[in-house]
């Protein structure tokens, strides 16, 4: 799914986003799993993280390596925490 989205990005950002995906996939996976402990949803949450990063590609391109890594970790943490909040809320409502 994420590869289809990356393919649809403007050509100037496509290579950057592919490199970002390959460089940070493991870190995002580890971050998401360490928060959720849910192997069934990890891939979906990784995709959600990179979708959010695609939306901020202009900002991410301006960041140096350390700030970029921090931004990606923060985004993946936010996605994972929101997943947990929504899962708990759904359980309460059901």
N, C-alpha and C. Protein backbone atom coordinates (compact mmCIF):
# COMPACT_ATOMS: atom_id res chain seq x y z
N UNK A 1 0.82 -1.19 0.00
CA UNK A 1 0.00 0.00 0.00
C UNK A 1 0.86 1.26 0.00
N UNK A 2 1.84 1.30 0.90
CA UNK A 2 2.66 2.50 1.00
C UNK A 2 3.45 2.71 -0.28
N UNK A 3 3.85 1.64 -0.93
CA UNK A 3 4.60 1.77 -2.19
C UNK A 3 3.72 2.40 -3.27
N UNK A 4 2.44 2.11 -3.25
CA UNK A 4 1.53 2.72 -4.22
C UNK A 4 1.41 4.22 -3.96
N UNK A 5 1.38 4.60 -2.70
CA UNK A 5 1.31 6.03 -2.36
C UNK A 5 2.60 6.74 -2.75
N UNK A 6 3.72 6.10 -2.51
CA UNK A 6 4.99 6.70 -2.88
C UNK A 6 5.08 6.86 -4.39
N UNK A 7 4.56 5.89 -5.12
CA UNK A 7 4.57 5.96 -6.58
C UNK A 7 3.75 7.14 -7.08
N UNK A 8 2.75 7.55 -6.33
CA UNK A 8 1.88 8.65 -6.73
C UNK A 8 2.45 10.03 -6.38
N UNK A 9 3.51 10.06 -5.61
CA UNK A 9 4.12 11.33 -5.19
C UNK A 9 4.83 11.96 -6.38
N UNK A 10 4.94 13.28 -6.34
CA UNK A 10 5.67 14.00 -7.37
C UNK A 10 7.07 13.41 -7.49
N UNK A 11 7.60 13.36 -8.70
CA UNK A 11 8.86 12.68 -8.96
C UNK A 11 10.02 13.25 -8.14
N UNK A 12 10.00 14.55 -7.85
CA UNK A 12 11.09 15.14 -7.09
C UNK A 12 11.16 14.62 -5.66
N UNK A 13 10.03 14.18 -5.12
CA UNK A 13 9.98 13.67 -3.75
C UNK A 13 10.01 12.15 -3.69
N UNK A 14 9.78 11.48 -4.80
CA UNK A 14 9.64 10.02 -4.81
C UNK A 14 10.91 9.33 -4.30
N UNK A 15 12.05 9.67 -4.85
CA UNK A 15 13.31 9.02 -4.44
C UNK A 15 13.61 9.31 -2.96
N UNK A 16 13.36 10.54 -2.54
CA UNK A 16 13.58 10.90 -1.14
C UNK A 16 12.72 10.05 -0.22
N UNK A 17 11.45 9.90 -0.57
CA UNK A 17 10.52 9.15 0.27
C UNK A 17 10.86 7.67 0.28
N UNK A 18 11.27 7.12 -0.85
CA UNK A 18 11.68 5.72 -0.89
C UNK A 18 12.89 5.48 0.01
N UNK A 19 13.86 6.37 -0.07
CA UNK A 19 15.04 6.25 0.80
C UNK A 19 14.65 6.37 2.26
N UNK A 20 13.76 7.29 2.57
CA UNK A 20 13.29 7.47 3.93
C UNK A 20 12.63 6.18 4.43
N UNK A 21 11.80 5.58 3.58
CA UNK A 21 11.11 4.34 3.95
C UNK A 21 12.12 3.24 4.23
N UNK A 22 13.06 3.04 3.35
CA UNK A 22 14.05 1.97 3.55
C UNK A 22 14.98 2.24 4.72
N UNK A 23 15.34 3.48 4.93
CA UNK A 23 16.26 3.83 6.01
C UNK A 23 15.61 3.74 7.39
N UNK A 24 14.33 4.07 7.48
CA UNK A 24 13.69 4.19 8.78
C UNK A 24 12.63 3.12 9.07
N UNK A 25 12.41 2.21 8.14
CA UNK A 25 11.39 1.18 8.34
C UNK A 25 11.61 0.42 9.65
N UNK A 26 12.83 -0.05 9.88
CA UNK A 26 13.13 -0.82 11.09
C UNK A 26 12.91 -0.04 12.37
N UNK A 27 13.32 1.20 12.37
CA UNK A 27 13.14 2.06 13.54
C UNK A 27 11.65 2.30 13.81
N UNK A 28 10.90 2.57 12.77
CA UNK A 28 9.45 2.80 12.93
C UNK A 28 8.78 1.52 13.43
N UNK A 29 9.16 0.39 12.86
CA UNK A 29 8.58 -0.89 13.27
C UNK A 29 8.84 -1.15 14.76
N UNK A 30 10.08 -0.96 15.17
CA UNK A 30 10.45 -1.19 16.57
C UNK A 30 9.71 -0.24 17.50
N UNK A 31 9.63 1.02 17.12
CA UNK A 31 8.95 2.02 17.95
C UNK A 31 7.47 1.68 18.11
N UNK A 32 6.81 1.37 17.01
CA UNK A 32 5.39 1.05 17.05
C UNK A 32 5.14 -0.21 17.87
N UNK A 33 5.93 -1.24 17.64
CA UNK A 33 5.71 -2.50 18.36
C UNK A 33 5.99 -2.34 19.85
N UNK A 34 7.02 -1.59 20.21
CA UNK A 34 7.34 -1.40 21.63
C UNK A 34 6.23 -0.70 22.38
N UNK A 35 5.44 0.09 21.69
CA UNK A 35 4.33 0.79 22.34
C UNK A 35 3.06 -0.06 22.34
N UNK A 36 2.76 -0.70 21.21
CA UNK A 36 1.49 -1.41 21.08
C UNK A 36 1.55 -2.88 21.49
N UNK A 37 2.69 -3.51 21.32
CA UNK A 37 2.83 -4.96 21.53
C UNK A 37 1.75 -5.73 20.77
N UNK A 38 1.45 -5.27 19.59
CA UNK A 38 0.39 -5.86 18.76
C UNK A 38 0.95 -6.19 17.37
N UNK A 39 1.43 -7.41 17.21
CA UNK A 39 2.05 -7.82 15.95
C UNK A 39 1.05 -7.83 14.80
N UNK A 40 -0.24 -8.00 15.10
CA UNK A 40 -1.26 -8.06 14.05
C UNK A 40 -1.46 -6.72 13.35
N UNK A 41 -1.18 -5.62 14.03
CA UNK A 41 -1.44 -4.30 13.46
C UNK A 41 -0.18 -3.49 13.16
N UNK A 42 0.98 -4.06 13.38
CA UNK A 42 2.22 -3.30 13.21
C UNK A 42 2.37 -2.78 11.79
N UNK A 43 2.15 -3.60 10.80
CA UNK A 43 2.33 -3.16 9.40
C UNK A 43 1.37 -2.03 9.04
N UNK A 44 0.14 -2.12 9.49
CA UNK A 44 -0.82 -1.05 9.24
C UNK A 44 -0.37 0.26 9.90
N UNK A 45 0.15 0.15 11.09
CA UNK A 45 0.60 1.34 11.81
C UNK A 45 1.87 1.93 11.17
N UNK A 46 2.72 1.07 10.64
CA UNK A 46 3.89 1.56 9.90
C UNK A 46 3.42 2.34 8.68
N UNK A 47 2.47 1.78 7.96
CA UNK A 47 1.92 2.49 6.79
C UNK A 47 1.30 3.82 7.19
N UNK A 48 0.55 3.83 8.28
CA UNK A 48 -0.06 5.07 8.76
C UNK A 48 1.01 6.11 9.09
N UNK A 49 2.10 5.66 9.69
CA UNK A 49 3.19 6.57 10.03
C UNK A 49 3.78 7.19 8.77
N UNK A 50 4.06 6.37 7.76
CA UNK A 50 4.67 6.91 6.55
C UNK A 50 3.69 7.77 5.75
N UNK A 51 2.42 7.50 5.85
CA UNK A 51 1.43 8.38 5.21
C UNK A 51 1.48 9.76 5.86
N UNK A 52 1.57 9.79 7.18
CA UNK A 52 1.70 11.08 7.87
C UNK A 52 3.00 11.78 7.48
N UNK A 53 4.06 11.02 7.31
CA UNK A 53 5.33 11.61 6.91
C UNK A 53 5.28 12.15 5.48
N UNK A 54 4.56 11.47 4.60
CA UNK A 54 4.41 11.96 3.22
C UNK A 54 3.74 13.32 3.23
N UNK A 55 2.76 13.49 4.10
CA UNK A 55 2.06 14.77 4.20
C UNK A 55 2.97 15.90 4.63
N UNK A 56 4.07 15.58 5.30
CA UNK A 56 5.02 16.59 5.81
C UNK A 56 6.36 16.54 5.09
N UNK A 57 6.38 16.05 3.87
CA UNK A 57 7.64 15.83 3.16
C UNK A 57 8.45 17.11 3.00
N UNK A 58 7.79 18.22 2.77
CA UNK A 58 8.52 19.49 2.61
C UNK A 58 9.28 19.85 3.89
N UNK A 59 8.67 19.65 5.02
CA UNK A 59 9.33 19.92 6.29
C UNK A 59 10.46 18.92 6.54
N UNK A 60 10.20 17.66 6.32
CA UNK A 60 11.19 16.61 6.59
C UNK A 60 12.45 16.81 5.76
N UNK A 61 12.29 17.26 4.54
CA UNK A 61 13.46 17.49 3.67
C UNK A 61 14.39 18.56 4.22
N UNK A 62 13.86 19.47 5.03
CA UNK A 62 14.69 20.57 5.54
C UNK A 62 15.44 20.20 6.81
N UNK A 63 15.08 19.09 7.44
CA UNK A 63 15.67 18.71 8.72
C UNK A 63 17.01 18.00 8.53
N UNK A 64 17.93 18.25 9.46
CA UNK A 64 19.18 17.49 9.42
C UNK A 64 18.89 16.07 9.93
N UNK A 65 19.87 15.21 9.84
CA UNK A 65 19.67 13.79 10.14
C UNK A 65 19.12 13.53 11.54
N UNK A 66 19.68 14.18 12.53
CA UNK A 66 19.23 13.96 13.92
C UNK A 66 17.80 14.43 14.13
N UNK A 67 17.49 15.61 13.64
CA UNK A 67 16.12 16.13 13.79
C UNK A 67 15.13 15.31 12.98
N UNK A 68 15.55 14.84 11.81
CA UNK A 68 14.68 13.99 10.98
C UNK A 68 14.36 12.70 11.73
N UNK A 69 15.36 12.09 12.31
CA UNK A 69 15.13 10.85 13.07
C UNK A 69 14.19 11.10 14.24
N UNK A 70 14.41 12.18 14.97
CA UNK A 70 13.54 12.51 16.10
C UNK A 70 12.10 12.73 15.62
N UNK A 71 11.94 13.42 14.50
CA UNK A 71 10.61 13.69 13.96
C UNK A 71 9.91 12.39 13.58
N UNK A 72 10.64 11.48 12.98
CA UNK A 72 10.07 10.20 12.56
C UNK A 72 9.69 9.36 13.77
N UNK A 73 10.53 9.33 14.78
CA UNK A 73 10.22 8.59 16.01
C UNK A 73 9.00 9.20 16.68
N UNK A 74 8.96 10.52 16.78
CA UNK A 74 7.81 11.19 17.40
C UNK A 74 6.51 10.87 16.65
N UNK A 75 6.58 10.89 15.32
CA UNK A 75 5.40 10.58 14.52
C UNK A 75 4.96 9.15 14.73
N UNK A 76 5.90 8.21 14.74
CA UNK A 76 5.53 6.80 14.93
C UNK A 76 4.97 6.57 16.34
N UNK A 77 5.51 7.25 17.34
CA UNK A 77 4.96 7.15 18.69
C UNK A 77 3.53 7.67 18.73
N UNK A 78 3.29 8.79 18.09
CA UNK A 78 1.95 9.38 18.06
C UNK A 78 0.95 8.45 17.40
N UNK A 79 1.34 7.85 16.30
CA UNK A 79 0.45 6.90 15.60
C UNK A 79 0.14 5.71 16.51
N UNK A 80 1.16 5.18 17.16
CA UNK A 80 0.95 4.02 18.04
C UNK A 80 0.07 4.37 19.24
N UNK A 81 0.31 5.50 19.85
CA UNK A 81 -0.50 5.93 21.01
C UNK A 81 -1.94 6.17 20.60
N UNK A 82 -2.15 6.81 19.45
CA UNK A 82 -3.52 7.02 18.96
C UNK A 82 -4.23 5.70 18.70
N UNK A 83 -3.50 4.72 18.19
CA UNK A 83 -4.07 3.39 17.96
C UNK A 83 -4.56 2.80 19.28
N UNK A 84 -3.73 2.89 20.31
CA UNK A 84 -4.11 2.34 21.62
C UNK A 84 -5.32 3.08 22.18
N UNK A 85 -5.33 4.40 22.08
CA UNK A 85 -6.47 5.19 22.58
C UNK A 85 -7.76 4.80 21.87
N UNK A 86 -7.69 4.66 20.54
CA UNK A 86 -8.89 4.31 19.79
C UNK A 86 -9.35 2.88 20.10
N UNK A 87 -8.39 1.99 20.31
CA UNK A 87 -8.74 0.61 20.62
C UNK A 87 -9.43 0.55 21.99
N UNK A 88 -8.93 1.29 22.96
CA UNK A 88 -9.54 1.32 24.29
C UNK A 88 -10.92 1.96 24.24
N UNK A 89 -11.05 3.05 23.47
CA UNK A 89 -12.34 3.71 23.36
C UNK A 89 -13.35 2.78 22.70
N UNK A 90 -12.93 2.08 21.66
CA UNK A 90 -13.82 1.14 20.98
C UNK A 90 -14.28 0.03 21.92
N UNK A 91 -13.38 -0.43 22.78
CA UNK A 91 -13.72 -1.48 23.73
C UNK A 91 -14.73 -0.97 24.77
N UNK A 92 -14.61 0.30 25.14
CA UNK A 92 -15.54 0.87 26.12
C UNK A 92 -16.93 1.06 25.51
N UNK A 93 -16.97 1.45 24.26
CA UNK A 93 -18.24 1.72 23.60
C UNK A 93 -18.96 0.43 23.25
N UNK A 94 -18.22 -0.60 22.90
CA UNK A 94 -18.83 -1.86 22.47
C UNK A 94 -19.51 -2.61 23.56
